[in-house]
C-alpha atoms as a PDB file:
ATOM      1  CA  UNK A   1       9.032  -4.997  15.823  1.00  0.00           C
ATOM      2  CA  UNK A   2       7.365  -8.200  14.670  1.00  0.00           C
ATOM      3  CA  UNK A   3       4.031  -9.702  15.689  1.00  0.00           C
ATOM      4  CA  UNK A   4       3.822 -13.495  15.927  1.00  0.00           C
ATOM      5  CA  UNK A   5       0.299 -14.469  14.820  1.00  0.00           C
ATOM      6  CA  UNK A   6      -0.760 -17.813  16.308  1.00  0.00           C
ATOM      7  CA  UNK A   7      -4.062 -19.618  15.550  1.00  0.00           C
ATOM      8  CA  UNK A   8      -5.140 -21.991  18.318  1.00  0.00           C
ATOM      9  CA  UNK A   9      -7.638 -24.833  18.550  1.00  0.00           C
ATOM     10  CA  UNK A  10      -7.750 -27.449  21.324  1.00  0.00           C
ATOM     11  CA  UNK A  11      -3.950 -27.573  21.800  1.00  0.00           C
ATOM     12  CA  UNK A  12      -3.300 -26.528  25.421  1.00  0.00           C
ATOM     13  CA  UNK A  13      -0.056 -28.494  25.826  1.00  0.00           C
ATOM     14  CA  UNK A  14       1.358 -27.096  22.584  1.00  0.00           C
ATOM     15  CA  UNK A  15       0.420 -23.528  23.499  1.00  0.00           C
ATOM     16  CA  UNK A  16       2.119 -23.990  26.875  1.00  0.00           C
ATOM     17  CA  UNK A  17       5.194 -25.228  24.988  1.00  0.00           C
ATOM     18  CA  UNK A  18       5.149 -22.045  22.903  1.00  0.00           C
ATOM     19  CA  UNK A  19       5.143 -19.930  26.082  1.00  0.00           C
ATOM     20  CA  UNK A  20       8.036 -21.990  27.434  1.00  0.00           C
ATOM     21  CA  UNK A  21      10.111 -21.156  24.351  1.00  0.00           C
ATOM     22  CA  UNK A  22       9.109 -17.471  24.372  1.00  0.00           C
ATOM     23  CA  UNK A  23      10.350 -17.198  27.952  1.00  0.00           C
ATOM     24  CA  UNK A  24      13.803 -18.321  26.798  1.00  0.00           C
ATOM     25  CA  UNK A  25      14.123 -15.254  24.560  1.00  0.00           C
ATOM     26  CA  UNK A  26      16.800 -12.783  25.600  1.00  0.00           C
ATOM     27  CA  UNK A  27      15.219  -9.636  27.054  1.00  0.00           C
ATOM     28  CA  UNK A  28      16.583  -7.503  24.202  1.00  0.00           C
ATOM     29  CA  UNK A  29      14.899  -9.859  21.708  1.00  0.00           C
ATOM     30  CA  UNK A  30      11.616 -10.322  23.584  1.00  0.00           C
ATOM     31  CA  UNK A  31      10.989  -6.573  23.769  1.00  0.00           C
ATOM     32  CA  UNK A  32      10.969  -6.373  19.969  1.00  0.00           C
ATOM     33  CA  UNK A  33       8.223  -8.963  19.502  1.00  0.00           C
ATOM     34  CA  UNK A  34       4.512  -9.033  20.222  1.00  0.00           C
ATOM     35  CA  UNK A  35       2.211 -12.060  20.180  1.00  0.00           C
ATOM     36  CA  UNK A  36      -1.408 -12.321  19.068  1.00  0.00           C
ATOM     37  CA  UNK A  37      -3.132 -15.632  19.781  1.00  0.00           C
ATOM     38  CA  UNK A  38      -6.565 -16.332  18.292  1.00  0.00           C
ATOM     39  CA  UNK A  39      -8.648 -19.152  19.748  1.00  0.00           C
ATOM     40  CA  UNK A  40     -10.729 -20.525  16.889  1.00  0.00           C
ATOM     41  CA  UNK A  41     -13.692 -21.380  19.121  1.00  0.00           C
ATOM     42  CA  UNK A  42     -12.204 -24.265  21.145  1.00  0.00           C
ATOM     43  CA  UNK A  43     -15.145 -25.894  22.977  1.00  0.00           C
ATOM     44  CA  UNK A  44     -13.197 -27.972  25.543  1.00  0.00           C
ATOM     45  CA  UNK A  45      -9.762 -26.414  26.087  1.00  0.00           C
ATOM     46  CA  UNK A  46      -9.959 -22.661  25.425  1.00  0.00           C
ATOM     47  CA  UNK A  47      -6.669 -20.789  25.137  1.00  0.00           C
ATOM     48  CA  UNK A  48      -7.834 -18.544  27.959  1.00  0.00           C
ATOM     49  CA  UNK A  49      -7.370 -21.421  30.399  1.00  0.00           C
ATOM     50  CA  UNK A  50      -3.724 -21.771  29.307  1.00  0.00           C
ATOM     51  CA  UNK A  51      -2.808 -18.083  29.187  1.00  0.00           C
ATOM     52  CA  UNK A  52      -4.761 -16.463  32.013  1.00  0.00           C
ATOM     53  CA  UNK A  53      -2.226 -15.059  34.467  1.00  0.00           C
ATOM     54  CA  UNK A  54       0.696 -16.835  32.788  1.00  0.00           C
ATOM     55  CA  UNK A  55       4.105 -15.167  32.943  1.00  0.00           C
ATOM     56  CA  UNK A  56       5.425 -14.413  29.459  1.00  0.00           C
ATOM     57  CA  UNK A  57       8.409 -12.243  28.534  1.00  0.00           C
ATOM     58  CA  UNK A  58       6.717 -11.099  25.335  1.00  0.00           C
ATOM     59  CA  UNK A  59       3.694  -8.784  25.272  1.00  0.00           C
ATOM     60  CA  UNK A  60       0.713 -10.929  24.337  1.00  0.00           C
ATOM     61  CA  UNK A  61      -2.962 -10.463  23.481  1.00  0.00           C
ATOM     62  CA  UNK A  62      -5.672 -13.101  23.128  1.00  0.00           C
ATOM     63  CA  UNK A  63      -8.769 -13.053  20.919  1.00  0.00           C
ATOM     64  CA  UNK A  64     -11.515 -15.641  20.598  1.00  0.00           C
ATOM     65  CA  UNK A  65     -13.831 -16.456  17.701  1.00  0.00           C
ATOM     66  CA  UNK A  66     -17.247 -17.017  19.236  1.00  0.00           C
ATOM     67  CA  UNK A  67     -18.442 -19.616  16.723  1.00  0.00           C
ATOM     68  CA  UNK A  68     -16.816 -23.036  16.413  1.00  0.00           C
ATOM     69  CA  UNK A  69     -16.392 -22.968  12.619  1.00  0.00           C
ATOM     70  CA  UNK A  70     -14.927 -26.204  11.193  1.00  0.00           C
ATOM     71  CA  UNK A  71     -11.267 -25.825  10.184  1.00  0.00           C
ATOM     72  CA  UNK A  72     -11.286 -22.038  10.238  1.00  0.00           C
ATOM     73  CA  UNK A  73      -7.560 -21.645  10.822  1.00  0.00           C
ATOM     74  CA  UNK A  74      -7.141 -19.073   8.057  1.00  0.00           C
ATOM     75  CA  UNK A  75     -10.028 -17.047   9.466  1.00  0.00           C
ATOM     76  CA  UNK A  76      -8.193 -17.091  12.804  1.00  0.00           C
ATOM     77  CA  UNK A  77      -5.051 -15.842  11.065  1.00  0.00           C
ATOM     78  CA  UNK A  78      -7.033 -13.066   9.376  1.00  0.00           C
ATOM     79  CA  UNK A  79      -8.214 -11.959  12.816  1.00  0.00           C
ATOM     80  CA  UNK A  80      -4.729 -12.174  14.344  1.00  0.00           C
ATOM     81  CA  UNK A  81      -3.183 -10.092  11.572  1.00  0.00           C
ATOM     82  CA  UNK A  82      -6.102  -7.642  11.668  1.00  0.00           C
ATOM     83  CA  UNK A  83      -5.238  -6.960  15.308  1.00  0.00           C
ATOM     84  CA  UNK A  84      -1.450  -6.805  14.865  1.00  0.00           C
ATOM     85  CA  UNK A  85       0.024  -3.402  15.745  1.00  0.00           C
ATOM     86  CA  UNK A  86       3.445  -3.740  14.133  1.00  0.00           C
ATOM     87  CA  UNK A  87       4.624  -3.235  10.561  1.00  0.00           C
ATOM     88  CA  UNK A  88       5.858  -6.833  10.237  1.00  0.00           C
ATOM     89  CA  UNK A  89       3.768  -9.918  10.966  1.00  0.00           C
ATOM     90  CA  UNK A  90       4.758 -13.586  11.131  1.00  0.00           C
ATOM     91  CA  UNK A  91       1.889 -15.940  10.310  1.00  0.00           C
ATOM     92  CA  UNK A  92       2.553 -19.209  12.132  1.00  0.00           C
ATOM     93  CA  UNK A  93       0.846 -22.443  13.179  1.00  0.00           C
ATOM     94  CA  UNK A  94       0.523 -23.391  16.841  1.00  0.00           C
ATOM     95  CA  UNK A  95       2.820 -26.402  16.321  1.00  0.00           C
ATOM     96  CA  UNK A  96       5.621 -24.299  14.777  1.00  0.00           C
ATOM     97  CA  UNK A  97       7.914 -22.553  17.269  1.00  0.00           C
ATOM     98  CA  UNK A  98      10.262 -19.669  16.490  1.00  0.00           C
ATOM     99  CA  UNK A  99      13.105 -20.348  18.951  1.00  0.00           C
ATOM    100  CA  UNK A 100      15.058 -17.522  20.553  1.00  0.00           C
ATOM    101  CA  UNK A 101      18.178 -18.063  18.455  1.00  0.00           C
ATOM    102  CA  UNK A 102      16.220 -17.724  15.209  1.00  0.00           C
ATOM    103  CA  UNK A 103      14.298 -14.742  16.595  1.00  0.00           C
ATOM    104  CA  UNK A 104      17.566 -12.939  17.328  1.00  0.00           C
ATOM    105  CA  UNK A 105      18.924 -13.667  13.837  1.00  0.00           C
ATOM    106  CA  UNK A 106      15.669 -12.453  12.289  1.00  0.00           C
ATOM    107  CA  UNK A 107      15.837  -9.099  14.080  1.00  0.00           C
ATOM    108  CA  UNK A 108      19.312  -8.449  12.657  1.00  0.00           C
ATOM    109  CA  UNK A 109      18.234  -8.954   9.062  1.00  0.00           C
ATOM    110  CA  UNK A 110      17.515  -6.136   6.637  1.00  0.00           C
ATOM    111  CA  UNK A 111      14.091  -7.238   5.480  1.00  0.00           C
ATOM    112  CA  UNK A 112      12.591  -5.814   2.311  1.00  0.00           C
ATOM    113  CA  UNK A 113       8.920  -4.760   2.653  1.00  0.00           C
ATOM    114  CA  UNK A 114       8.338  -5.660  -1.010  1.00  0.00           C
ATOM    115  CA  UNK A 115       9.156  -9.326  -0.343  1.00  0.00           C
ATOM    116  CA  UNK A 116       7.573 -12.088   1.722  1.00  0.00           C
ATOM    117  CA  UNK A 117       9.690 -14.685   3.506  1.00  0.00           C
ATOM    118  CA  UNK A 118       9.324 -18.339   4.436  1.00  0.00           C
ATOM    119  CA  UNK A 119      11.685 -19.858   6.984  1.00  0.00           C
ATOM    120  CA  UNK A 120      12.897 -23.434   6.926  1.00  0.00           C
ATOM    121  CA  UNK A 121      11.589 -25.821   9.553  1.00  0.00           C
ATOM    122  CA  UNK A 122      13.102 -28.676  11.543  1.00  0.00           C
ATOM    123  CA  UNK A 123      10.934 -31.581  12.614  1.00  0.00           C
ATOM    124  CA  UNK A 124      11.743 -32.537  16.215  1.00  0.00           C
ATOM    125  CA  UNK A 125      11.905 -35.969  17.828  1.00  0.00           C
ATOM    126  CA  UNK A 126      10.385 -37.164  21.095  1.00  0.00           C
ATOM    127  CA  UNK A 127      13.066 -35.251  23.048  1.00  0.00           C
ATOM    128  CA  UNK A 128      12.412 -32.025  21.178  1.00  0.00           C
ATOM    129  CA  UNK A 129      15.706 -32.264  19.261  1.00  0.00           C
ATOM    130  CA  UNK A 130      15.695 -31.309  15.549  1.00  0.00           C
ATOM    131  CA  UNK A 131      16.000 -34.217  13.132  1.00  0.00           C
ATOM    132  CA  UNK A 132      16.392 -34.464   9.346  1.00  0.00           C
ATOM    133  CA  UNK A 133      17.491 -31.677   7.051  1.00  0.00           C
ATOM    134  CA  UNK A 134      15.505 -28.425   7.305  1.00  0.00           C
ATOM    135  CA  UNK A 135      12.766 -27.968   4.721  1.00  0.00           C
ATOM    136  CA  UNK A 136      10.091 -25.495   3.732  1.00  0.00           C
ATOM    137  CA  UNK A 137       7.027 -25.519   5.946  1.00  0.00           C
ATOM    138  CA  UNK A 138       3.338 -25.154   5.281  1.00  0.00           C
ATOM    139  CA  UNK A 139       1.858 -22.464   3.064  1.00  0.00           C
ATOM    140  CA  UNK A 140       0.636 -20.470   6.100  1.00  0.00           C
ATOM    141  CA  UNK A 141       4.136 -19.852   7.499  1.00  0.00           C
ATOM    142  CA  UNK A 142       4.837 -16.378   6.115  1.00  0.00           C
ATOM    143  CA  UNK A 143       6.793 -13.351   7.301  1.00  0.00           C
ATOM    144  CA  UNK A 144       5.741 -10.105   5.602  1.00  0.00           C
ATOM    145  CA  UNK A 145       4.486  -6.614   6.273  1.00  0.00           C
ATOM    146  CA  UNK A 146       0.889  -6.166   7.269  1.00  0.00           C
ATOM    147  CA  UNK A 147       0.484  -3.854   4.272  1.00  0.00           C
ATOM    148  CA  UNK A 148       1.656  -6.605   1.894  1.00  0.00           C
ATOM    149  CA  UNK A 149      -0.738  -9.106   3.482  1.00  0.00           C
ATOM    150  CA  UNK A 150      -3.613  -6.667   2.914  1.00  0.00           C
ATOM    151  CA  UNK A 151      -2.530  -6.048  -0.689  1.00  0.00           C
ATOM    152  CA  UNK A 152      -2.666  -9.804  -1.323  1.00  0.00           C
ATOM    153  CA  UNK A 153      -6.224  -9.794   0.052  1.00  0.00           C
ATOM    154  CA  UNK A 154      -5.758 -11.956   3.142  1.00  0.00           C
ATOM    155  CA  UNK A 155      -7.001 -15.521   3.485  1.00  0.00           C
ATOM    156  CA  UNK A 156     -10.218 -16.483   1.721  1.00  0.00           C
ATOM    157  CA  UNK A 157     -12.616 -17.740   4.395  1.00  0.00           C
ATOM    158  CA  UNK A 158     -14.753 -19.287   1.681  1.00  0.00           C
ATOM    159  CA  UNK A 159     -12.403 -22.289   2.033  1.00  0.00           C
ATOM    160  CA  UNK A 160     -13.136 -22.862   5.741  1.00  0.00           C
ATOM    161  CA  UNK A 161     -13.430 -26.610   6.248  1.00  0.00           C
ATOM    162  CA  UNK A 162     -10.796 -27.563   3.678  1.00  0.00           C
ATOM    163  CA  UNK A 163      -7.252 -28.147   4.930  1.00  0.00           C
ATOM    164  CA  UNK A 164      -4.841 -26.074   2.858  1.00  0.00           C
ATOM    165  CA  UNK A 165      -7.479 -24.596   0.543  1.00  0.00           C
ATOM    166  CA  UNK A 166      -7.262 -20.995   1.734  1.00  0.00           C
ATOM    167  CA  UNK A 167      -3.475 -21.192   2.034  1.00  0.00           C
ATOM    168  CA  UNK A 168      -3.074 -22.196  -1.607  1.00  0.00           C
ATOM    169  CA  UNK A 169      -5.413 -19.457  -2.802  1.00  0.00           C
ATOM    170  CA  UNK A 170      -3.623 -16.853  -0.680  1.00  0.00           C
ATOM    171  CA  UNK A 171      -0.191 -17.838  -1.962  1.00  0.00           C
ATOM    172  CA  UNK A 172      -1.450 -17.443  -5.529  1.00  0.00           C
ATOM    173  CA  UNK A 173      -2.579 -13.881  -4.777  1.00  0.00           C
ATOM    174  CA  UNK A 174       0.599 -13.160  -2.818  1.00  0.00           C
ATOM    175  CA  UNK A 175       2.816 -14.245  -5.714  1.00  0.00           C
ATOM    176  CA  UNK A 176       0.933 -11.837  -7.956  1.00  0.00           C
ATOM    177  CA  UNK A 177       2.012  -8.831  -5.853  1.00  0.00           C
ATOM    178  CA  UNK A 178       5.370  -9.888  -4.355  1.00  0.00           C
ATOM    179  CA  UNK A 179       8.345 -12.216  -4.673  1.00  0.00           C
ATOM    180  CA  UNK A 180       9.747 -14.572  -2.065  1.00  0.00           C
ATOM    181  CA  UNK A 181      12.877 -13.681  -0.126  1.00  0.00           C
ATOM    182  CA  UNK A 182      15.202 -16.132   1.603  1.00  0.00           C
ATOM    183  CA  UNK A 183      15.596 -16.913   5.310  1.00  0.00           C
ATOM    184  CA  UNK A 184      17.969 -19.855   5.119  1.00  0.00           C
ATOM    185  CA  UNK A 185      19.459 -19.276   8.592  1.00  0.00           C
ATOM    186  CA  UNK A 186      16.123 -18.763  10.394  1.00  0.00           C
ATOM    187  CA  UNK A 187      14.564 -22.042  11.503  1.00  0.00           C
ATOM    188  CA  UNK A 188      11.236 -23.041  12.979  1.00  0.00           C
ATOM    189  CA  UNK A 189      10.809 -26.091  15.179  1.00  0.00           C
ATOM    190  CA  UNK A 190       7.914 -28.323  14.113  1.00  0.00           C
ATOM    191  CA  UNK A 191       6.177 -30.372  16.819  1.00  0.00           C
ATOM    192  CA  UNK A 192       3.267 -31.449  14.642  1.00  0.00           C
ATOM    193  CA  UNK A 193       3.581 -35.245  14.588  1.00  0.00           C
ATOM    194  CA  UNK A 194       2.579 -35.528  18.245  1.00  0.00           C
ATOM    195  CA  UNK A 195       5.771 -37.363  19.249  1.00  0.00           C
ATOM    196  CA  UNK A 196       6.932 -34.598  21.562  1.00  0.00           C
ATOM    197  CA  UNK A 197       3.695 -32.749  22.426  1.00  0.00           C
ATOM    198  CA  UNK A 198       0.576 -34.917  22.346  1.00  0.00           C
ATOM    199  CA  UNK A 199      -1.899 -32.256  21.140  1.00  0.00           C
ATOM    200  CA  UNK A 200       0.434 -30.421  18.768  1.00  0.00           C
ATOM    201  CA  UNK A 201      -1.442 -31.686  15.711  1.00  0.00           C
ATOM    202  CA  UNK A 202      -5.208 -31.548  16.229  1.00  0.00           C
ATOM    203  CA  UNK A 203      -7.131 -33.979  14.048  1.00  0.00           C
ATOM    204  CA  UNK A 204     -10.766 -33.270  14.993  1.00  0.00           C
ATOM    205  CA  UNK A 205     -11.323 -29.831  13.494  1.00  0.00           C
ATOM    206  CA  UNK A 206     -14.362 -31.085  11.613  1.00  0.00           C
ATOM    207  CA  UNK A 207     -12.786 -30.618   8.219  1.00  0.00           C
ATOM    208  CA  UNK A 208     -14.780 -31.464   5.108  1.00  0.00           C
ATOM    209  CA  UNK A 209     -11.776 -32.472   3.040  1.00  0.00           C
ATOM    210  CA  UNK A 210      -8.358 -31.329   1.955  1.00  0.00           C
ATOM    211  CA  UNK A 211      -6.978 -28.945  -0.652  1.00  0.00           C
ATOM    212  CA  UNK A 212      -6.928 -31.907  -3.043  1.00  0.00           C
ATOM    213  CA  UNK A 213     -10.713 -32.208  -2.814  1.00  0.00           C
ATOM    214  CA  UNK A 214     -11.566 -28.569  -3.513  1.00  0.00           C
ATOM    215  CA  UNK A 215     -14.061 -28.419  -6.365  1.00  0.00           C
ATOM    216  CA  UNK A 216     -13.558 -26.485  -9.622  1.00  0.00           C
ATOM    217  CA  UNK A 217     -16.231 -24.037  -8.458  1.00  0.00           C
ATOM    218  CA  UNK A 218     -14.222 -23.356  -5.303  1.00  0.00           C
ATOM    219  CA  UNK A 219     -11.015 -22.997  -7.303  1.00  0.00           C
ATOM    220  CA  UNK A 220     -12.725 -20.407  -9.486  1.00  0.00           C
ATOM    221  CA  UNK A 221     -13.770 -18.542  -6.353  1.00  0.00           C
ATOM    222  CA  UNK A 222     -10.216 -18.770  -5.028  1.00  0.00           C
ATOM    223  CA  UNK A 223      -8.941 -16.799  -8.024  1.00  0.00           C
ATOM    224  CA  UNK A 224     -10.953 -13.827  -6.829  1.00  0.00           C
ATOM    225  CA  UNK A 225      -9.894 -11.539  -4.015  1.00  0.00           C
ATOM    226  CA  UNK A 226     -11.540 -12.510  -0.711  1.00  0.00           C
ATOM    227  CA  UNK A 227     -14.700 -10.585   0.121  1.00  0.00           C
ATOM    228  CA  UNK A 228     -15.780  -9.643   3.660  1.00  0.00           C
ATOM    229  CA  UNK A 229     -13.102 -11.346   5.766  1.00  0.00           C
ATOM    230  CA  UNK A 230     -13.781 -11.881   9.482  1.00  0.00           C
ATOM    231  CA  UNK A 231     -17.228 -13.289   8.779  1.00  0.00           C
ATOM    232  CA  UNK A 232     -17.739 -14.260  12.411  1.00  0.00           C
ATOM    233  CA  UNK A 233     -18.181 -12.710  15.849  1.00  0.00           C
ATOM    234  CA  UNK A 234     -15.072 -12.283  17.957  1.00  0.00           C
ATOM    235  CA  UNK A 235     -13.864 -10.709  21.178  1.00  0.00           C
ATOM    236  CA  UNK A 236     -10.650  -9.835  22.972  1.00  0.00           C
ATOM    237  CA  UNK A 237     -10.079 -11.865  26.144  1.00  0.00           C
ATOM    238  CA  UNK A 238      -8.516 -10.292  29.206  1.00  0.00           C
ATOM    239  CA  UNK A 239      -5.735 -12.616  30.411  1.00  0.00           C
ATOM    240  CA  UNK A 240      -3.947 -10.390  32.939  1.00  0.00           C
ATOM    241  CA  UNK A 241      -5.315  -8.252  35.748  1.00  0.00           C
ATOM    242  CA  UNK A 242      -3.735  -5.149  34.217  1.00  0.00           C
ATOM    243  CA  UNK A 243      -5.212  -5.703  30.734  1.00  0.00           C
ATOM    244  CA  UNK A 244      -7.727  -3.223  29.390  1.00  0.00           C
ATOM    245  CA  UNK A 245     -10.105  -4.566  26.773  1.00  0.00           C
END
């Protein structure tokens, strides 16, 4: 089984689009996936409002970070992976969808636990149809075992507030303990330019800068293994009447 780990912040339409795609999975595929969504402290449009009582073919759990920490997406991913219950985890972004066809192909692959994998992604147009040639996605789009993620140290929350900072540091640690495998026939659909789903790419996360503005002091810190991840309060949110939290 594989857990899809989804960080969320103020993107209700995009999260609803994810659920729409998950409900197209064949039953035999859906039963071999789980979903963990982490709301990174959304003040206006919490994920709970989107997911409460929603019908989804895939078993899903929701967690919420209680502080609204600027650009804490990697902290949200740390929490999602911390709560994953399967051997394999897929670290995604809310605007990247794993469609049912790719999910089925993925389940039939003989994955090596010593490798990490990055799928190609298709940008989609205003009708949701893939355009351009597929290309590698962001640094946070990884498939690996939970054990390998822990060996690489997880995401460094010291970089909260800097787009891409924690992802770059994590990939450096990951490459020190594993090599990259290939997933050339597994594609993600990228909705991030807002052409198809208006809130797919959130711009008001309160970021301080980008990975290109990280200071030498921060880079030096990024060479160290992260210390004390999950440096925030969090809770599991009950989204179905039969949930037990």
